[in-house]
Amino acid sequence: MLCLILLQTLLGCVTSRSSDAGEKLTCEQHAKVAAYLNNWAITNFSESYGKKGDVTGANVQLFLISEKAPSPYAAAFNRYQEKAFENIALAKRKGCNTVDYPLPPVDEFRHQLEVARTGK
């Protein structure tokens, strides 16, 4: 529950700028936000393409994401990618160790697609 509150704050579900809210997070909270965003990407990929083995559909979606298409799915991945980068930048500025942070959402989508393609 705490993670969802922190994520809502960082992702801009409040009226203030998300970076202002992110300034108040601890290093542990930044790590939780990074993990949440990564898990969100894994879950979305799995539900939309992974469970179905739809590599072609995932390739098309990656193209839409890469081209910053206005579709809700692509826009969500791009928005959360930006939030992940913002979270990492804020964490680094505070001196947090971000080495073990998981991949940001778009990068995780690419990774999941590669796993689906190669089986590795």
PDB file of N, CA and C in Angstrom:
ATOM      1  N   MET A   1       0.820  -1.187   0.000  1.00  0.00           N
ATOM      2  CA  MET A   1       0.000   0.000   0.000  1.00  0.00           C
ATOM      3  C   MET A   1       0.869   1.259   0.000  1.00  0.00           C
ATOM      4  N   LEU A   2       1.915   1.260   0.829  1.00  0.00           N
ATOM      5  CA  LEU A   2       2.820   2.405   0.880  1.00  0.00           C
ATOM      6  C   LEU A   2       3.439   2.656  -0.485  1.00  0.00           C
ATOM      7  N   CYS A   3       3.800   1.570  -1.176  1.00  0.00           N
ATOM      8  CA  CYS A   3       4.421   1.710  -2.498  1.00  0.00           C
ATOM      9  C   CYS A   3       3.459   2.390  -3.472  1.00  0.00           C
ATOM     10  N   LEU A   4       2.189   2.023  -3.411  1.00  0.00           N
ATOM     11  CA  LEU A   4       1.219   2.643  -4.311  1.00  0.00           C
ATOM     12  C   LEU A   4       1.069   4.129  -4.020  1.00  0.00           C
ATOM     13  N   ILE A   5       1.080   4.487  -2.758  1.00  0.00           N
ATOM     14  CA  ILE A   5       0.989   5.902  -2.398  1.00  0.00           C
ATOM     15  C   ILE A   5       2.221   6.642  -2.894  1.00  0.00           C
ATOM     16  N   LEU A   6       3.391   6.042  -2.686  1.00  0.00           N
ATOM     17  CA  LEU A   6       4.626   6.661  -3.152  1.00  0.00           C
ATOM     18  C   LEU A   6       4.621   6.786  -4.665  1.00  0.00           C
ATOM     19  N   LEU A   7       4.166   5.733  -5.336  1.00  0.00           N
ATOM     20  CA  LEU A   7       4.151   5.751  -6.791  1.00  0.00           C
ATOM     21  C   LEU A   7       3.184   6.803  -7.307  1.00  0.00           C
ATOM     22  N   GLN A   8       2.011   6.889  -6.706  1.00  0.00           N
ATOM     23  CA  GLN A   8       1.056   7.905  -7.138  1.00  0.00           C
ATOM     24  C   GLN A   8       1.656   9.293  -6.986  1.00  0.00           C
ATOM     25  N   THR A   9       2.369   9.494  -5.906  1.00  0.00           N
ATOM     26  CA  THR A   9       3.000  10.790  -5.685  1.00  0.00           C
ATOM     27  C   THR A   9       4.050  11.054  -6.750  1.00  0.00           C
ATOM     28  N   LEU A  10       4.920  10.084  -7.006  1.00  0.00           N
ATOM     29  CA  LEU A  10       5.985  10.273  -7.980  1.00  0.00           C
ATOM     30  C   LEU A  10       5.441  10.380  -9.393  1.00  0.00           C
ATOM     31  N   LEU A  11       4.411   9.629  -9.712  1.00  0.00           N
ATOM     32  CA  LEU A  11       3.900   9.610 -11.078  1.00  0.00           C
ATOM     33  C   LEU A  11       2.984  10.780 -11.395  1.00  0.00           C
ATOM     34  N   GLY A  12       2.839  11.678 -10.464  1.00  0.00           N
ATOM     35  CA  GLY A  12       2.103  12.891 -10.781  1.00  0.00           C
ATOM     36  C   GLY A  12       0.614  12.800 -10.583  1.00  0.00           C
ATOM     37  N   CYS A  13       0.157  11.903  -9.741  1.00  0.00           N
ATOM     38  CA  CYS A  13      -1.272  11.810  -9.460  1.00  0.00           C
ATOM     39  C   CYS A  13      -1.690  12.852  -8.432  1.00  0.00           C
ATOM     40  N   VAL A  14      -0.796  13.784  -8.163  1.00  0.00           N
ATOM     41  CA  VAL A  14      -1.114  14.904  -7.289  1.00  0.00           C
ATOM     42  C   VAL A  14      -0.939  16.171  -8.109  1.00  0.00           C
ATOM     43  N   THR A  15      -1.371  17.262  -7.588  1.00  0.00           N
ATOM     44  CA  THR A  15      -1.326  18.489  -8.379  1.00  0.00           C
ATOM     45  C   THR A  15       0.073  19.073  -8.500  1.00  0.00           C
ATOM     46  N   SER A  16       0.965  18.779  -7.557  1.00  0.00           N
ATOM     47  CA  SER A  16       2.324  19.312  -7.662  1.00  0.00           C
ATOM     48  C   SER A  16       3.123  18.504  -8.666  1.00  0.00           C
ATOM     49  N   ARG A  17       4.216  19.072  -9.116  1.00  0.00           N
ATOM     50  CA  ARG A  17       5.078  18.361 -10.054  1.00  0.00           C
ATOM     51  C   ARG A  17       5.610  17.109  -9.392  1.00  0.00           C
ATOM     52  N   SER A  18       5.700  16.013 -10.151  1.00  0.00           N
ATOM     53  CA  SER A  18       6.140  14.751  -9.578  1.00  0.00           C
ATOM     54  C   SER A  18       7.571  14.832  -9.073  1.00  0.00           C
ATOM     55  N   SER A  19       8.422  15.646  -9.705  1.00  0.00           N
ATOM     56  CA  SER A  19       9.799  15.756  -9.227  1.00  0.00           C
ATOM     57  C   SER A  19       9.836  16.400  -7.852  1.00  0.00           C
ATOM     58  N   ASP A  20       8.913  17.338  -7.590  1.00  0.00           N
ATOM     59  CA  ASP A  20       8.835  17.936  -6.259  1.00  0.00           C
ATOM     60  C   ASP A  20       8.475  16.876  -5.230  1.00  0.00           C
ATOM     61  N   ALA A  21       7.513  16.031  -5.558  1.00  0.00           N
ATOM     62  CA  ALA A  21       7.115  14.961  -4.650  1.00  0.00           C
ATOM     63  C   ALA A  21       8.243  13.949  -4.499  1.00  0.00           C
ATOM     64  N   GLY A  22       8.934  13.656  -5.587  1.00  0.00           N
ATOM     65  CA  GLY A  22      10.031  12.698  -5.557  1.00  0.00           C
ATOM     66  C   GLY A  22      11.187  13.144  -4.696  1.00  0.00           C
ATOM     67  N   GLU A  23      11.324  14.448  -4.518  1.00  0.00           N
ATOM     68  CA  GLU A  23      12.396  14.979  -3.670  1.00  0.00           C
ATOM     69  C   GLU A  23      12.265  14.485  -2.236  1.00  0.00           C
ATOM     70  N   LYS A  24      11.069  14.150  -1.822  1.00  0.00           N
ATOM     71  CA  LYS A  24      10.824  13.742  -0.441  1.00  0.00           C
ATOM     72  C   LYS A  24      11.023  12.245  -0.217  1.00  0.00           C
ATOM     73  N   LEU A  25      11.232  11.480  -1.279  1.00  0.00           N
ATOM     74  CA  LEU A  25      11.387  10.036  -1.136  1.00  0.00           C
ATOM     75  C   LEU A  25      12.764   9.677  -0.588  1.00  0.00           C
ATOM     76  N   THR A  26      12.811   8.578   0.152  1.00  0.00           N
ATOM     77  CA  THR A  26      14.083   8.041   0.636  1.00  0.00           C
ATOM     78  C   THR A  26      14.690   7.159  -0.447  1.00  0.00           C
ATOM     79  N   CYS A  27      15.924   6.752  -0.258  1.00  0.00           N
ATOM     80  CA  CYS A  27      16.571   5.856  -1.221  1.00  0.00           C
ATOM     81  C   CYS A  27      15.790   4.549  -1.349  1.00  0.00           C
ATOM     82  N   GLU A  28      15.318   4.024  -0.235  1.00  0.00           N
ATOM     83  CA  GLU A  28      14.536   2.786  -0.259  1.00  0.00           C
ATOM     84  C   GLU A  28      13.245   2.976  -1.049  1.00  0.00           C
ATOM     85  N   GLN A  29      12.617   4.112  -0.884  1.00  0.00           N
ATOM     86  CA  GLN A  29      11.382   4.388  -1.609  1.00  0.00           C
ATOM     87  C   GLN A  29      11.638   4.550  -3.106  1.00  0.00           C
ATOM     88  N   HIS A  30      12.752   5.160  -3.467  1.00  0.00           N
ATOM     89  CA  HIS A  30      13.104   5.260  -4.888  1.00  0.00           C
ATOM     90  C   HIS A  30      13.290   3.865  -5.482  1.00  0.00           C
ATOM     91  N   ALA A  31      13.936   2.973  -4.744  1.00  0.00           N
ATOM     92  CA  ALA A  31      14.138   1.598  -5.215  1.00  0.00           C
ATOM     93  C   ALA A  31      12.797   0.886  -5.385  1.00  0.00           C
ATOM     94  N   LYS A  32      11.866   1.131  -4.480  1.00  0.00           N
ATOM     95  CA  LYS A  32      10.537   0.516  -4.586  1.00  0.00           C
ATOM     96  C   LYS A  32       9.786   1.037  -5.804  1.00  0.00           C
ATOM     97  N   VAL A  33       9.919   2.309  -6.087  1.00  0.00           N
ATOM     98  CA  VAL A  33       9.275   2.883  -7.279  1.00  0.00           C
ATOM     99  C   VAL A  33       9.864   2.244  -8.534  1.00  0.00           C
ATOM    100  N   ALA A  34      11.193   2.105  -8.580  1.00  0.00           N
ATOM    101  CA  ALA A  34      11.846   1.478  -9.735  1.00  0.00           C
ATOM    102  C   ALA A  34      11.345   0.050  -9.919  1.00  0.00           C
ATOM    103  N   ALA A  35      11.228  -0.692  -8.821  1.00  0.00           N
ATOM    104  CA  ALA A  35      10.743  -2.073  -8.890  1.00  0.00           C
ATOM    105  C   ALA A  35       9.291  -2.119  -9.351  1.00  0.00           C
ATOM    106  N   TYR A  36       8.482  -1.208  -8.851  1.00  0.00           N
ATOM    107  CA  TYR A  36       7.079  -1.169  -9.247  1.00  0.00           C
ATOM    108  C   TYR A  36       6.941  -0.908 -10.746  1.00  0.00           C
ATOM    109  N   LEU A  37       7.668   0.065 -11.260  1.00  0.00           N
ATOM    110  CA  LEU A  37       7.589   0.391 -12.687  1.00  0.00           C
ATOM    111  C   LEU A  37       8.041  -0.784 -13.545  1.00  0.00           C
ATOM    112  N   ASN A  38       9.081  -1.481 -13.109  1.00  0.00           N
ATOM    113  CA  ASN A  38       9.563  -2.654 -13.830  1.00  0.00           C
ATOM    114  C   ASN A  38       8.518  -3.766 -13.799  1.00  0.00           C
ATOM    115  N   ASN A  39       7.946  -4.022 -12.627  1.00  0.00           N
ATOM    116  CA  ASN A  39       6.910  -5.059 -12.517  1.00  0.00           C
ATOM    117  C   ASN A  39       5.690  -4.708 -13.353  1.00  0.00           C
ATOM    118  N   TRP A  40       5.353  -3.428 -13.408  1.00  0.00           N
ATOM    119  CA  TRP A  40       4.238  -2.986 -14.243  1.00  0.00           C
ATOM    120  C   TRP A  40       4.502  -3.363 -15.705  1.00  0.00           C
ATOM    121  N   ALA A  41       5.725  -3.114 -16.166  1.00  0.00           N
ATOM    122  CA  ALA A  41       6.081  -3.425 -17.555  1.00  0.00           C
ATOM    123  C   ALA A  41       6.027  -4.928 -17.810  1.00  0.00           C
ATOM    124  N   ILE A  42       6.570  -5.717 -16.897  1.00  0.00           N
ATOM    125  CA  ILE A  42       6.558  -7.174 -17.054  1.00  0.00           C
ATOM    126  C   ILE A  42       5.126  -7.683 -17.112  1.00  0.00           C
ATOM    127  N   THR A  43       4.292  -7.214 -16.208  1.00  0.00           N
ATOM    128  CA  THR A  43       2.897  -7.651 -16.167  1.00  0.00           C
ATOM    129  C   THR A  43       2.166  -7.271 -17.450  1.00  0.00           C
ATOM    130  N   ASN A  44       2.345  -6.040 -17.909  1.00  0.00           N
ATOM    131  CA  ASN A  44       1.672  -5.608 -19.133  1.00  0.00           C
ATOM    132  C   ASN A  44       2.141  -6.387 -20.348  1.00  0.00           C
ATOM    133  N   PHE A  45       3.441  -6.631 -20.452  1.00  0.00           N
ATOM    134  CA  PHE A  45       3.945  -7.417 -21.576  1.00  0.00           C
ATOM    135  C   PHE A  45       3.383  -8.831 -21.512  1.00  0.00           C
ATOM    136  N   SER A  46       3.455  -9.436 -20.338  1.00  0.00           N
ATOM    137  CA  SER A  46       2.999 -10.813 -20.174  1.00  0.00           C
ATOM    138  C   SER A  46       1.520 -10.966 -20.521  1.00  0.00           C
ATOM    139  N   GLU A  47       0.699 -10.076 -19.985  1.00  0.00           N
ATOM    140  CA  GLU A  47      -0.744 -10.153 -20.232  1.00  0.00           C
ATOM    141  C   GLU A  47      -1.095  -9.877 -21.692  1.00  0.00           C
ATOM    142  N   SER A  48      -0.390  -8.963 -22.316  1.00  0.00           N
ATOM    143  CA  SER A  48      -0.727  -8.562 -23.683  1.00  0.00           C
ATOM    144  C   SER A  48      -0.103  -9.447 -24.752  1.00  0.00           C
ATOM    145  N   TYR A  49       1.111  -9.933 -24.510  1.00  0.00           N
ATOM    146  CA  TYR A  49       1.840 -10.646 -25.564  1.00  0.00           C
ATOM    147  C   TYR A  49       2.498 -11.935 -25.099  1.00  0.00           C
ATOM    148  N   GLY A  50       3.080 -11.944 -23.922  1.00  0.00           N
ATOM    149  CA  GLY A  50       3.866 -13.080 -23.458  1.00  0.00           C
ATOM    150  C   GLY A  50       3.078 -14.365 -23.317  1.00  0.00           C
ATOM    151  N   LYS A  51       1.938 -14.308 -22.653  1.00  0.00           N
ATOM    152  CA  LYS A  51       1.130 -15.511 -22.433  1.00  0.00           C
ATOM    153  C   LYS A  51       0.589 -16.067 -23.743  1.00  0.00           C
ATOM    154  N   LYS A  52       0.404 -15.203 -24.717  1.00  0.00           N
ATOM    155  CA  LYS A  52      -0.136 -15.613 -26.016  1.00  0.00           C
ATOM    156  C   LYS A  52       0.964 -16.011 -26.991  1.00  0.00           C
ATOM    157  N   GLY A  53       2.210 -15.720 -26.634  1.00  0.00           N
ATOM    158  CA  GLY A  53       3.318 -15.988 -27.547  1.00  0.00           C
ATOM    159  C   GLY A  53       3.249 -15.119 -28.795  1.00  0.00           C
ATOM    160  N   ASP A  54       2.690 -13.942 -28.664  1.00  0.00           N
ATOM    161  CA  ASP A  54       2.467 -13.049 -29.802  1.00  0.00           C
ATOM    162  C   ASP A  54       3.682 -12.148 -30.044  1.00  0.00           C
ATOM    163  N   VAL A  55       4.720 -12.726 -30.632  1.00  0.00           N
ATOM    164  CA  VAL A  55       5.948 -11.983 -30.904  1.00  0.00           C
ATOM    165  C   VAL A  55       5.703 -10.907 -31.959  1.00  0.00           C
ATOM    166  N   THR A  56       4.910 -11.218 -32.973  1.00  0.00           N
ATOM    167  CA  THR A  56       4.619 -10.241 -34.025  1.00  0.00           C
ATOM    168  C   THR A  56       3.886  -9.029 -33.450  1.00  0.00           C
ATOM    169  N   GLY A  57       2.871  -9.276 -32.651  1.00  0.00           N
ATOM    170  CA  GLY A  57       2.139  -8.179 -32.023  1.00  0.00           C
ATOM    171  C   GLY A  57       3.026  -7.344 -31.116  1.00  0.00           C
ATOM    172  N   ALA A  58       3.919  -8.012 -30.395  1.00  0.00           N
ATOM    173  CA  ALA A  58       4.845  -7.299 -29.505  1.00  0.00           C
ATOM    174  C   ALA A  58       5.818  -6.446 -30.311  1.00  0.00           C
ATOM    175  N   ASN A  59       6.263  -6.964 -31.459  1.00  0.00           N
ATOM    176  CA  ASN A  59       7.148  -6.176 -32.332  1.00  0.00           C
ATOM    177  C   ASN A  59       6.440  -4.921 -32.836  1.00  0.00           C
ATOM    178  N   VAL A  60       5.191  -5.073 -33.226  1.00  0.00           N
ATOM    179  CA  VAL A  60       4.409  -3.926 -33.692  1.00  0.00           C
ATOM    180  C   VAL A  60       4.244  -2.922 -32.550  1.00  0.00           C
ATOM    181  N   GLN A  61       3.931  -3.434 -31.364  1.00  0.00           N
ATOM    182  CA  GLN A  61       3.751  -2.540 -30.221  1.00  0.00           C
ATOM    183  C   GLN A  61       5.048  -1.823 -29.871  1.00  0.00           C
ATOM    184  N   LEU A  62       6.181  -2.521 -29.952  1.00  0.00           N
ATOM    185  CA  LEU A  62       7.466  -1.874 -29.677  1.00  0.00           C
ATOM    186  C   LEU A  62       7.718  -0.751 -30.680  1.00  0.00           C
ATOM    187  N   PHE A  63       7.341  -0.975 -31.931  1.00  0.00           N
ATOM    188  CA  PHE A  63       7.466   0.087 -32.931  1.00  0.00           C
ATOM    189  C   PHE A  63       6.626   1.299 -32.522  1.00  0.00           C
ATOM    190  N   LEU A  64       5.379   1.050 -32.106  1.00  0.00           N
ATOM    191  CA  LEU A  64       4.501   2.149 -31.688  1.00  0.00           C
ATOM    192  C   LEU A  64       5.066   2.876 -30.467  1.00  0.00           C
ATOM    193  N   ILE A  65       5.608   2.115 -29.535  1.00  0.00           N
ATOM    194  CA  ILE A  65       6.221   2.719 -28.347  1.00  0.00           C
ATOM    195  C   ILE A  65       7.416   3.564 -28.767  1.00  0.00           C
ATOM    196  N   SER A  66       8.267   2.999 -29.620  1.00  0.00           N
ATOM    197  CA  SER A  66       9.482   3.700 -30.061  1.00  0.00           C
ATOM    198  C   SER A  66       9.164   4.978 -30.824  1.00  0.00           C
ATOM    199  N   GLU A  67       8.078   4.948 -31.577  1.00  0.00           N
ATOM    200  CA  GLU A  67       7.664   6.118 -32.354  1.00  0.00           C
ATOM    201  C   GLU A  67       6.806   7.087 -31.545  1.00  0.00           C
ATOM    202  N   LYS A  68       6.630   6.767 -30.275  1.00  0.00           N
ATOM    203  CA  LYS A  68       5.830   7.604 -29.370  1.00  0.00           C
ATOM    204  C   LYS A  68       4.415   7.832 -29.918  1.00  0.00           C
ATOM    205  N   ALA A  69       3.820   6.741 -30.387  1.00  0.00           N
ATOM    206  CA  ALA A  69       2.455   6.793 -30.905  1.00  0.00           C
ATOM    207  C   ALA A  69       1.493   7.203 -29.787  1.00  0.00           C
ATOM    208  N   PRO A  70       0.390   7.850 -30.155  1.00  0.00           N
ATOM    209  CA  PRO A  70      -0.549   8.323 -29.134  1.00  0.00           C
ATOM    210  C   PRO A  70      -1.472   7.238 -28.571  1.00  0.00           C
ATOM    211  N   SER A  71      -1.274   5.984 -28.948  1.00  0.00           N
ATOM    212  CA  SER A  71      -2.136   4.929 -28.414  1.00  0.00           C
ATOM    213  C   SER A  71      -1.968   4.849 -26.896  1.00  0.00           C
ATOM    214  N   PRO A  72      -3.029   4.489 -26.178  1.00  0.00           N
ATOM    215  CA  PRO A  72      -2.937   4.438 -24.716  1.00  0.00           C
ATOM    216  C   PRO A  72      -1.811   3.525 -24.211  1.00  0.00           C
ATOM    217  N   TYR A  73      -1.623   2.375 -24.850  1.00  0.00           N
ATOM    218  CA  TYR A  73      -0.597   1.423 -24.411  1.00  0.00           C
ATOM    219  C   TYR A  73       0.799   2.016 -24.592  1.00  0.00           C
ATOM    220  N   ALA A  74       1.074   2.525 -25.781  1.00  0.00           N
ATOM    221  CA  ALA A  74       2.396   3.112 -26.059  1.00  0.00           C
ATOM    222  C   ALA A  74       2.629   4.344 -25.191  1.00  0.00           C
ATOM    223  N   ALA A  75       1.612   5.171 -25.059  1.00  0.00           N
ATOM    224  CA  ALA A  75       1.752   6.385 -24.250  1.00  0.00           C
ATOM    225  C   ALA A  75       2.044   6.050 -22.793  1.00  0.00           C
ATOM    226  N   ALA A  76       1.404   5.008 -22.272  1.00  0.00           N
ATOM    227  CA  ALA A  76       1.651   4.608 -20.879  1.00  0.00           C
ATOM    228  C   ALA A  76       3.093   4.147 -20.704  1.00  0.00           C
ATOM    229  N   PHE A  77       3.580   3.326 -21.629  1.00  0.00           N
ATOM    230  CA  PHE A  77       4.972   2.870 -21.524  1.00  0.00           C
ATOM    231  C   PHE A  77       5.936   4.049 -21.594  1.00  0.00           C
ATOM    232  N   ASN A  78       5.701   4.971 -22.499  1.00  0.00           N
ATOM    233  CA  ASN A  78       6.595   6.129 -22.620  1.00  0.00           C
ATOM    234  C   ASN A  78       6.514   7.043 -21.399  1.00  0.00           C
ATOM    235  N   ARG A  79       5.329   7.226 -20.877  1.00  0.00           N
ATOM    236  CA  ARG A  79       5.165   8.062 -19.682  1.00  0.00           C
ATOM    237  C   ARG A  79       5.889   7.421 -18.490  1.00  0.00           C
ATOM    238  N   TYR A  80       5.724   6.117 -18.317  1.00  0.00           N
ATOM    239  CA  TYR A  80       6.372   5.438 -17.193  1.00  0.00           C
ATOM    240  C   TYR A  80       7.876   5.330 -17.398  1.00  0.00           C
ATOM    241  N   GLN A  81       8.318   5.281 -18.646  1.00  0.00           N
ATOM    242  CA  GLN A  81       9.760   5.306 -18.921  1.00  0.00           C
ATOM    243  C   GLN A  81      10.343   6.636 -18.437  1.00  0.00           C
ATOM    244  N   GLU A  82       9.658   7.725 -18.761  1.00  0.00           N
ATOM    245  CA  GLU A  82      10.108   9.051 -18.311  1.00  0.00           C
ATOM    246  C   GLU A  82      10.132   9.131 -16.789  1.00  0.00           C
ATOM    247  N   LYS A  83       9.109   8.588 -16.157  1.00  0.00           N
ATOM    248  CA  LYS A  83       9.047   8.607 -14.694  1.00  0.00           C
ATOM    249  C   LYS A  83      10.169   7.765 -14.094  1.00  0.00           C
ATOM    250  N   ALA A  84      10.504   6.656 -14.741  1.00  0.00           N
ATOM    251  CA  ALA A  84      11.608   5.823 -14.251  1.00  0.00           C
ATOM    252  C   ALA A  84      12.922   6.584 -14.335  1.00  0.00           C
ATOM    253  N   PHE A  85      13.151   7.281 -15.450  1.00  0.00           N
ATOM    254  CA  PHE A  85      14.377   8.077 -15.586  1.00  0.00           C
ATOM    255  C   PHE A  85      14.409   9.206 -14.563  1.00  0.00           C
ATOM    256  N   GLU A  86      13.265   9.835 -14.349  1.00  0.00           N
ATOM    257  CA  GLU A  86      13.176  10.896 -13.346  1.00  0.00           C
ATOM    258  C   GLU A  86      13.487  10.338 -11.956  1.00  0.00           C
ATOM    259  N   ASN A  87      12.931   9.178 -11.652  1.00  0.00           N
ATOM    260  CA  ASN A  87      13.166   8.534 -10.359  1.00  0.00           C
ATOM    261  C   ASN A  87      14.649   8.219 -10.166  1.00  0.00           C
ATOM    262  N   ILE A  88      15.284   7.680 -11.194  1.00  0.00           N
ATOM    263  CA  ILE A  88      16.714   7.350 -11.110  1.00  0.00           C
ATOM    264  C   ILE A  88      17.545   8.620 -10.932  1.00  0.00           C
ATOM    265  N   ALA A  89      17.220   9.653 -11.687  1.00  0.00           N
ATOM    266  CA  ALA A  89      17.975  10.905 -11.577  1.00  0.00           C
ATOM    267  C   ALA A  89      17.859  11.500 -10.176  1.00  0.00           C
ATOM    268  N   LEU A  90      16.655  11.493  -9.624  1.00  0.00           N
ATOM    269  CA  LEU A  90      16.460  12.013  -8.270  1.00  0.00           C
ATOM    270  C   LEU A  90      17.219  11.170  -7.251  1.00  0.00           C
ATOM    271  N   ALA A  91      17.156   9.858  -7.420  1.00  0.00           N
ATOM    272  CA  ALA A  91      17.855   8.961  -6.490  1.00  0.00           C
ATOM    273  C   ALA A  91      19.362   9.191  -6.549  1.00  0.00           C
ATOM    274  N   LYS A  92      19.899   9.321  -7.751  1.00  0.00           N
ATOM    275  CA  LYS A  92      21.343   9.567  -7.894  1.00  0.00           C
ATOM    276  C   LYS A  92      21.736  10.903  -7.283  1.00  0.00           C
ATOM    277  N   ARG A  93      20.900  11.903  -7.485  1.00  0.00           N
ATOM    278  CA  ARG A  93      21.187  13.224  -6.933  1.00  0.00           C
ATOM    279  C   ARG A  93      21.251  13.181  -5.404  1.00  0.00           C
ATOM    280  N   LYS A  94      20.489  12.266  -4.813  1.00  0.00           N
ATOM    281  CA  LYS A  94      20.497  12.108  -3.356  1.00  0.00           C
ATOM    282  C   LYS A  94      21.623  11.197  -2.876  1.00  0.00           C
ATOM    283  N   GLY A  95      22.367  10.613  -3.816  1.00  0.00           N
ATOM    284  CA  GLY A  95      23.450   9.717  -3.442  1.00  0.00           C
ATOM    285  C   GLY A  95      23.016   8.272  -3.257  1.00  0.00           C
ATOM    286  N   CYS A  96      21.826   7.927  -3.721  1.00  0.00           N
ATOM    287  CA  CYS A  96      21.342   6.549  -3.608  1.00  0.00           C
ATOM    288  C   CYS A  96      22.098   5.660  -4.596  1.00  0.00           C
ATOM    289  N   ASN A  97      22.297   4.424  -4.229  1.00  0.00           N
ATOM    290  CA  ASN A  97      22.931   3.445  -5.106  1.00  0.00           C
ATOM    291  C   ASN A  97      21.855   2.879  -6.030  1.00  0.00           C
ATOM    292  N   THR A  98      21.954   3.169  -7.313  1.00  0.00           N
ATOM    293  CA  THR A  98      20.943   2.729  -8.283  1.00  0.00           C
ATOM    294  C   THR A  98      21.431   1.583  -9.168  1.00  0.00           C
ATOM    295  N   VAL A  99      22.590   1.035  -8.851  1.00  0.00           N
ATOM    296  CA  VAL A  99      23.194  -0.012  -9.682  1.00  0.00           C
ATOM    297  C   VAL A  99      22.268  -1.213  -9.848  1.00  0.00           C
ATOM    298  N   ASP A 100      21.564  -1.586  -8.799  1.00  0.00           N
ATOM    299  CA  ASP A 100      20.713  -2.772  -8.852  1.00  0.00           C
ATOM    300  C   ASP A 100      19.264  -2.468  -9.229  1.00  0.00           C
ATOM    301  N   TYR A 101      18.981  -1.255  -9.658  1.00  0.00           N
ATOM    302  CA  TYR A 101      17.623  -0.933 -10.078  1.00  0.00           C
ATOM    303  C   TYR A 101      17.282  -1.769 -11.313  1.00  0.00           C
ATOM    304  N   PRO A 102      16.047  -2.234 -11.399  1.00  0.00           N
ATOM    305  CA  PRO A 102      15.646  -2.997 -12.588  1.00  0.00           C
ATOM    306  C   PRO A 102      15.506  -2.082 -13.805  1.00  0.00           C
ATOM    307  N   LEU A 103      15.329  -2.697 -14.951  1.00  0.00           N
ATOM    308  CA  LEU A 103      15.183  -1.943 -16.195  1.00  0.00           C
ATOM    309  C   LEU A 103      13.951  -1.040 -16.162  1.00  0.00           C
ATOM    310  N   PRO A 104      14.048   0.131 -16.777  1.00  0.00           N
ATOM    311  CA  PRO A 104      12.860   0.980 -16.938  1.00  0.00           C
ATOM    312  C   PRO A 104      11.854   0.291 -17.876  1.00  0.00           C
ATOM    313  N   PRO A 105      10.598   0.712 -17.880  1.00  0.00           N
ATOM    314  CA  PRO A 105       9.543   0.005 -18.607  1.00  0.00           C
ATOM    315  C   PRO A 105       9.798  -0.299 -20.085  1.00  0.00           C
ATOM    316  N   VAL A 106      10.219   0.664 -20.885  1.00  0.00           N
ATOM    317  CA  VAL A 106      10.428   0.395 -22.315  1.00  0.00           C
ATOM    318  C   VAL A 106      11.588  -0.576 -22.503  1.00  0.00           C
ATOM    319  N   ASP A 107      12.631  -0.418 -21.729  1.00  0.00           N
ATOM    320  CA  ASP A 107      13.762  -1.339 -21.810  1.00  0.00           C
ATOM    321  C   ASP A 107      13.349  -2.743 -21.376  1.00  0.00           C
ATOM    322  N   GLU A 108      12.485  -2.833 -20.380  1.00  0.00           N
ATOM    323  CA  GLU A 108      11.976  -4.141 -19.937  1.00  0.00           C
ATOM    324  C   GLU A 108      11.105  -4.761 -21.023  1.00  0.00           C
ATOM    325  N   PHE A 109      10.309  -3.944 -21.709  1.00  0.00           N
ATOM    326  CA  PHE A 109       9.497  -4.449 -22.820  1.00  0.00           C
ATOM    327  C   PHE A 109      10.418  -5.068 -23.872  1.00  0.00           C
ATOM    328  N   ARG A 110      11.488  -4.352 -24.231  1.00  0.00           N
ATOM    329  CA  ARG A 110      12.454  -4.875 -25.214  1.00  0.00           C
ATOM    330  C   ARG A 110      13.060  -6.194 -24.737  1.00  0.00           C
ATOM    331  N   HIS A 111      13.423  -6.236 -23.450  1.00  0.00           N
ATOM    332  CA  HIS A 111      14.016  -7.450 -22.885  1.00  0.00           C
ATOM    333  C   HIS A 111      13.021  -8.613 -22.943  1.00  0.00           C
ATOM    334  N   GLN A 112      11.784  -8.364 -22.542  1.00  0.00           N
ATOM    335  CA  GLN A 112      10.767  -9.421 -22.574  1.00  0.00           C
ATOM    336  C   GLN A 112      10.515  -9.895 -24.003  1.00  0.00           C
ATOM    337  N   LEU A 113      10.543  -8.981 -24.950  1.00  0.00           N
ATOM    338  CA  LEU A 113      10.371  -9.345 -26.358  1.00  0.00           C
ATOM    339  C   LEU A 113      11.527 -10.215 -26.826  1.00  0.00           C
ATOM    340  N   GLU A 114      12.737  -9.867 -26.440  1.00  0.00           N
ATOM    341  CA  GLU A 114      13.907 -10.669 -26.815  1.00  0.00           C
ATOM    342  C   GLU A 114      13.813 -12.069 -26.214  1.00  0.00           C
ATOM    343  N   VAL A 115      13.374 -12.164 -24.982  1.00  0.00           N
ATOM    344  CA  VAL A 115      13.182 -13.470 -24.339  1.00  0.00           C
ATOM    345  C   VAL A 115      12.126 -14.268 -25.099  1.00  0.00           C
ATOM    346  N   ALA A 116      11.039 -13.620 -25.499  1.00  0.00           N
ATOM    347  CA  ALA A 116       9.984 -14.301 -26.254  1.00  0.00           C
ATOM    348  C   ALA A 116      10.496 -14.771 -27.614  1.00  0.00           C
ATOM    349  N   ARG A 117      11.338 -13.964 -28.247  1.00  0.00           N
ATOM    350  CA  ARG A 117      11.901 -14.326 -29.559  1.00  0.00           C
ATOM    351  C   ARG A 117      12.842 -15.518 -29.464  1.00  0.00           C
ATOM    352  N   THR A 118      13.740 -15.465 -28.486  1.00  0.00           N
ATOM    353  CA  THR A 118      14.822 -16.453 -28.411  1.00  0.00           C
ATOM    354  C   THR A 118      14.564 -17.578 -27.424  1.00  0.00           C
ATOM    355  N   GLY A 119      13.627 -17.376 -26.526  1.00  0.00           N
ATOM    356  CA  GLY A 119      13.389 -18.378 -25.497  1.00  0.00           C
ATOM    357  C   GLY A 119      14.434 -18.350 -24.395  1.00  0.00           C
ATOM    358  N   LYS A 120      15.268 -17.301 -24.377  1.00  0.00           N
ATOM    359  CA  LYS A 120      16.321 -17.194 -23.353  1.00  0.00           C
ATOM    360  C   LYS A 120      16.072 -16.017 -22.456  1.00  0.00           C
TER     361      LYS A 120
END
